[in-house]
N, C-alpha and C. Protein backbone atom coordinates (compact mmCIF):
# COMPACT_ATOMS: atom_id res chain seq x y z
N MET A 1 18.73 48.45 -120.25
CA MET A 1 18.00 48.72 -119.22
C MET A 1 17.03 49.77 -119.39
N SER A 2 15.60 49.62 -118.82
CA SER A 2 15.13 51.14 -118.58
C SER A 2 14.55 51.11 -117.47
N ASN A 3 14.35 52.37 -116.84
CA ASN A 3 14.11 52.63 -115.60
C ASN A 3 12.48 52.74 -115.48
N TYR A 4 11.44 52.56 -115.84
CA TYR A 4 10.42 52.06 -116.05
C TYR A 4 9.85 51.12 -115.36
N PRO A 5 9.13 51.69 -114.27
CA PRO A 5 8.23 50.56 -113.33
C PRO A 5 7.79 49.40 -114.27
N LYS A 6 7.48 48.09 -113.48
CA LYS A 6 7.01 46.89 -114.37
C LYS A 6 5.58 47.14 -114.43
N TYR A 7 4.76 46.66 -115.96
CA TYR A 7 2.98 47.07 -116.04
C TYR A 7 2.48 46.75 -114.94
N GLU A 8 2.57 45.69 -114.36
CA GLU A 8 1.69 45.18 -113.56
C GLU A 8 1.35 46.55 -112.60
N ASN A 9 2.11 47.28 -112.10
CA ASN A 9 2.10 48.20 -111.47
C ASN A 9 1.09 49.17 -111.83
N TYR A 10 0.67 49.06 -113.29
CA TYR A 10 -0.42 50.04 -113.39
C TYR A 10 -1.97 49.36 -113.93
N SER A 11 -1.78 48.30 -113.29
CA SER A 11 -2.95 47.42 -114.44
C SER A 11 -3.96 48.16 -113.43
N LYS A 12 -5.34 47.72 -113.87
CA LYS A 12 -6.24 48.24 -113.57
C LYS A 12 -7.16 47.46 -112.59
N THR A 13 -7.28 45.67 -112.55
CA THR A 13 -7.46 45.51 -111.60
C THR A 13 -6.79 45.36 -110.36
N ASN A 14 -8.18 45.08 -109.22
CA ASN A 14 -7.82 45.18 -108.07
C ASN A 14 -7.30 43.86 -107.57
N LYS A 15 -6.17 43.95 -106.70
CA LYS A 15 -5.35 42.61 -106.31
C LYS A 15 -5.58 42.66 -105.07
N GLN A 16 -6.96 42.71 -104.27
CA GLN A 16 -7.29 42.61 -103.22
C GLN A 16 -7.91 41.24 -103.38
N LYS A 17 -7.66 40.19 -101.83
CA LYS A 17 -8.33 39.00 -102.70
C LYS A 17 -9.80 39.65 -102.08
N LYS A 18 -11.16 38.91 -102.80
CA LYS A 18 -12.46 38.98 -102.43
C LYS A 18 -12.46 38.12 -101.40
N PRO A 19 -13.65 38.67 -100.55
CA PRO A 19 -14.12 37.55 -99.07
C PRO A 19 -14.74 36.45 -99.86
N GLY A 20 -14.55 35.41 -98.89
CA GLY A 20 -15.25 34.04 -99.29
C GLY A 20 -16.46 34.43 -98.67
N LEU A 21 -16.99 32.91 -99.02
CA LEU A 21 -18.69 32.46 -98.82
C LEU A 21 -18.60 32.95 -96.97
N TYR A 22 -17.97 32.04 -96.11
CA TYR A 22 -17.59 32.31 -94.64
C TYR A 22 -17.68 33.84 -94.42
N GLU A 23 -16.93 34.82 -95.15
CA GLU A 23 -16.49 36.30 -94.03
C GLU A 23 -17.85 36.68 -94.55
N ARG A 24 -18.47 36.65 -95.83
CA ARG A 24 -19.91 37.10 -96.14
C ARG A 24 -20.88 36.97 -95.02
N LEU A 25 -20.66 35.52 -95.29
CA LEU A 25 -22.06 35.12 -94.03
C LEU A 25 -21.93 35.45 -92.66
N VAL A 26 -20.89 35.57 -92.13
CA VAL A 26 -20.31 36.10 -90.79
C VAL A 26 -20.94 37.84 -91.06
N SER A 27 -20.33 38.52 -92.00
CA SER A 27 -20.30 39.29 -91.92
C SER A 27 -22.30 39.89 -91.87
N PHE A 28 -22.87 39.31 -92.61
CA PHE A 28 -23.97 40.02 -93.23
C PHE A 28 -24.69 38.93 -91.10
N PHE A 29 -24.16 38.38 -90.82
CA PHE A 29 -25.49 38.35 -89.74
C PHE A 29 -24.67 39.33 -88.99
N GLN A 30 -23.67 39.82 -88.64
CA GLN A 30 -23.07 40.52 -87.49
C GLN A 30 -24.18 41.99 -88.32
N ASN A 31 -24.02 42.51 -89.52
CA ASN A 31 -24.46 43.58 -89.59
C ASN A 31 -26.40 43.16 -89.51
N SER A 32 -26.86 42.23 -89.79
CA SER A 32 -27.96 41.72 -89.20
C SER A 32 -28.61 42.36 -87.70
N LYS A 33 -27.37 41.26 -86.97
CA LYS A 33 -27.50 41.49 -85.41
C LYS A 33 -27.96 42.95 -84.92
N ARG A 34 -26.71 43.82 -85.79
CA ARG A 34 -26.89 45.15 -85.22
C ARG A 34 -28.04 46.04 -85.30
N ILE A 35 -29.03 45.96 -86.33
CA ILE A 35 -30.11 46.20 -87.18
C ILE A 35 -31.02 46.06 -86.02
N ILE A 36 -31.51 44.62 -85.33
CA ILE A 36 -31.88 44.64 -84.68
C ILE A 36 -31.92 45.15 -83.52
N LYS A 37 -30.95 44.99 -83.08
CA LYS A 37 -30.69 45.83 -81.83
C LYS A 37 -30.96 47.46 -81.46
N ILE A 38 -30.94 48.03 -82.53
CA ILE A 38 -31.37 49.49 -82.83
C ILE A 38 -32.43 49.60 -83.35
N ALA A 39 -33.08 48.59 -83.64
CA ALA A 39 -34.72 48.94 -84.16
C ALA A 39 -35.62 48.95 -82.72
N ASN A 40 -37.00 49.69 -83.21
CA ASN A 40 -37.72 50.07 -82.57
C ASN A 40 -39.16 50.00 -83.01
N LYS A 41 -40.21 49.23 -82.17
CA LYS A 41 -41.40 48.99 -82.17
C LYS A 41 -42.04 50.39 -82.57
N PRO A 42 -42.66 50.82 -83.76
CA PRO A 42 -43.39 51.33 -84.31
C PRO A 42 -44.59 52.16 -83.59
N THR A 43 -45.14 53.41 -83.21
CA THR A 43 -46.24 53.92 -82.26
C THR A 43 -47.78 53.63 -83.48
N LYS A 44 -48.64 53.30 -83.16
CA LYS A 44 -49.65 53.94 -83.77
C LYS A 44 -49.82 54.99 -84.21
N LYS A 45 -49.26 56.38 -84.52
CA LYS A 45 -49.09 57.00 -85.22
C LYS A 45 -48.59 56.70 -86.28
N GLU A 46 -47.10 56.33 -86.19
CA GLU A 46 -46.33 55.75 -87.22
C GLU A 46 -47.15 54.70 -87.89
N TYR A 47 -47.97 53.79 -87.53
CA TYR A 47 -48.87 52.70 -87.94
C TYR A 47 -49.72 53.51 -88.89
N PHE A 48 -50.40 54.97 -88.63
CA PHE A 48 -51.57 55.43 -89.05
C PHE A 48 -50.99 56.23 -90.15
N LEU A 49 -49.79 56.83 -90.23
CA LEU A 49 -49.24 57.61 -91.42
C LEU A 49 -49.18 56.40 -92.45
N VAL A 50 -48.30 55.45 -92.37
CA VAL A 50 -48.40 54.42 -93.09
C VAL A 50 -49.54 54.14 -93.81
N PHE A 51 -50.54 53.53 -93.12
CA PHE A 51 -51.65 53.42 -93.64
C PHE A 51 -52.34 54.52 -94.70
N LYS A 52 -51.82 55.40 -94.14
CA LYS A 52 -52.93 57.07 -95.19
C LYS A 52 -52.34 56.85 -95.73
N ILE A 53 -50.48 56.88 -96.15
CA ILE A 53 -49.86 56.99 -97.26
C ILE A 53 -49.99 55.52 -98.57
N CYS A 54 -50.08 54.67 -98.05
CA CYS A 54 -50.78 53.39 -98.89
C CYS A 54 -51.32 53.40 -99.04
N ALA A 55 -52.67 54.11 -99.04
CA ALA A 55 -54.25 54.36 -99.11
C ALA A 55 -54.10 55.60 -100.11
N ILE A 56 -53.96 56.14 -100.01
CA ILE A 56 -53.84 57.60 -100.65
C ILE A 56 -52.85 56.97 -102.17
N GLY A 57 -52.12 56.19 -102.21
CA GLY A 57 -51.42 55.64 -103.36
C GLY A 57 -52.40 54.60 -104.00
N ILE A 58 -52.67 53.88 -103.45
CA ILE A 58 -53.54 52.72 -104.33
C ILE A 58 -54.95 53.50 -104.47
N ILE A 59 -55.58 54.81 -103.90
CA ILE A 59 -56.82 55.23 -104.70
C ILE A 59 -56.37 55.85 -105.86
N LEU A 60 -54.92 56.95 -105.90
CA LEU A 60 -54.33 57.50 -106.84
C LEU A 60 -54.26 56.59 -107.99
N LEU A 61 -53.52 55.50 -107.93
CA LEU A 61 -53.48 53.97 -109.24
C LEU A 61 -54.69 53.96 -109.51
N GLY A 62 -55.62 53.40 -108.72
CA GLY A 62 -57.33 53.30 -108.93
C GLY A 62 -57.85 54.27 -110.07
N ALA A 63 -57.56 55.48 -109.98
CA ALA A 63 -58.45 56.60 -110.27
C ALA A 63 -57.37 56.72 -111.60
N VAL A 64 -56.48 56.72 -111.54
CA VAL A 64 -55.71 56.90 -112.96
C VAL A 64 -55.83 55.33 -113.61
N SER A 65 -56.08 54.31 -113.41
CA SER A 65 -56.24 53.33 -114.14
C SER A 65 -57.71 53.34 -114.57
N TYR A 66 -58.34 53.77 -114.12
CA TYR A 66 -59.60 54.00 -114.36
C TYR A 66 -60.25 55.12 -115.65
N ILE A 67 -59.63 56.49 -115.26
CA ILE A 67 -59.31 57.37 -116.28
C ILE A 67 -58.96 56.47 -117.98
N PHE A 68 -57.63 56.02 -117.72
CA PHE A 68 -56.92 55.40 -118.60
C PHE A 68 -58.02 54.49 -119.29
N GLN A 69 -58.77 53.50 -118.89
CA GLN A 69 -59.54 52.41 -118.99
C GLN A 69 -60.70 53.21 -119.64
N SER A 70 -61.34 54.19 -118.98
CA SER A 70 -62.78 55.02 -119.63
C SER A 70 -62.34 55.96 -121.37
N ILE A 71 -61.62 55.99 -121.38
CA ILE A 71 -60.65 56.72 -122.56
C ILE A 71 -60.04 55.66 -123.43
N PHE A 72 -59.79 54.55 -123.23
CA PHE A 72 -59.71 53.85 -124.16
C PHE A 72 -61.03 53.04 -124.68
N GLN A 73 -61.60 52.68 -123.94
CA GLN A 73 -63.51 52.09 -124.25
C GLN A 73 -64.11 53.22 -125.01
N ILE A 74 -63.79 55.00 -124.48
CA ILE A 74 -64.93 55.81 -125.72
C ILE A 74 -63.87 55.70 -127.33
N ILE A 75 -62.60 55.49 -126.99
CA ILE A 75 -62.01 55.89 -128.23
C ILE A 75 -61.36 54.59 -128.73
N PRO A 76 -61.97 54.14 -129.58
CA PRO A 76 -61.60 52.56 -130.22
C PRO A 76 -60.44 52.68 -131.49
N ILE A 77 -60.31 51.77 -131.04
CA ILE A 77 -58.24 51.85 -131.34
C ILE A 77 -58.04 50.78 -132.18
N GLY A 78 -57.85 50.90 -133.36
CA GLY A 78 -58.09 50.17 -134.81
C GLY A 78 -58.72 50.53 -135.00
């Protein structure tokens, strides 16, 4: 007989049981409840900041799109 431990001790699989559907749903609702409790309504200043960031992004995306479209109108492909 050898003194080596069994091969199962070296397997890389995780032997812990994964949570079932019920446990995952309970966990999801507990986490959702916790988030809603600590969430607060943004102020007008925060709304305006988000609006400015979105507006700048839309304007930049439109400008880049316009530049590419102008370049491909001037330079014919094929």
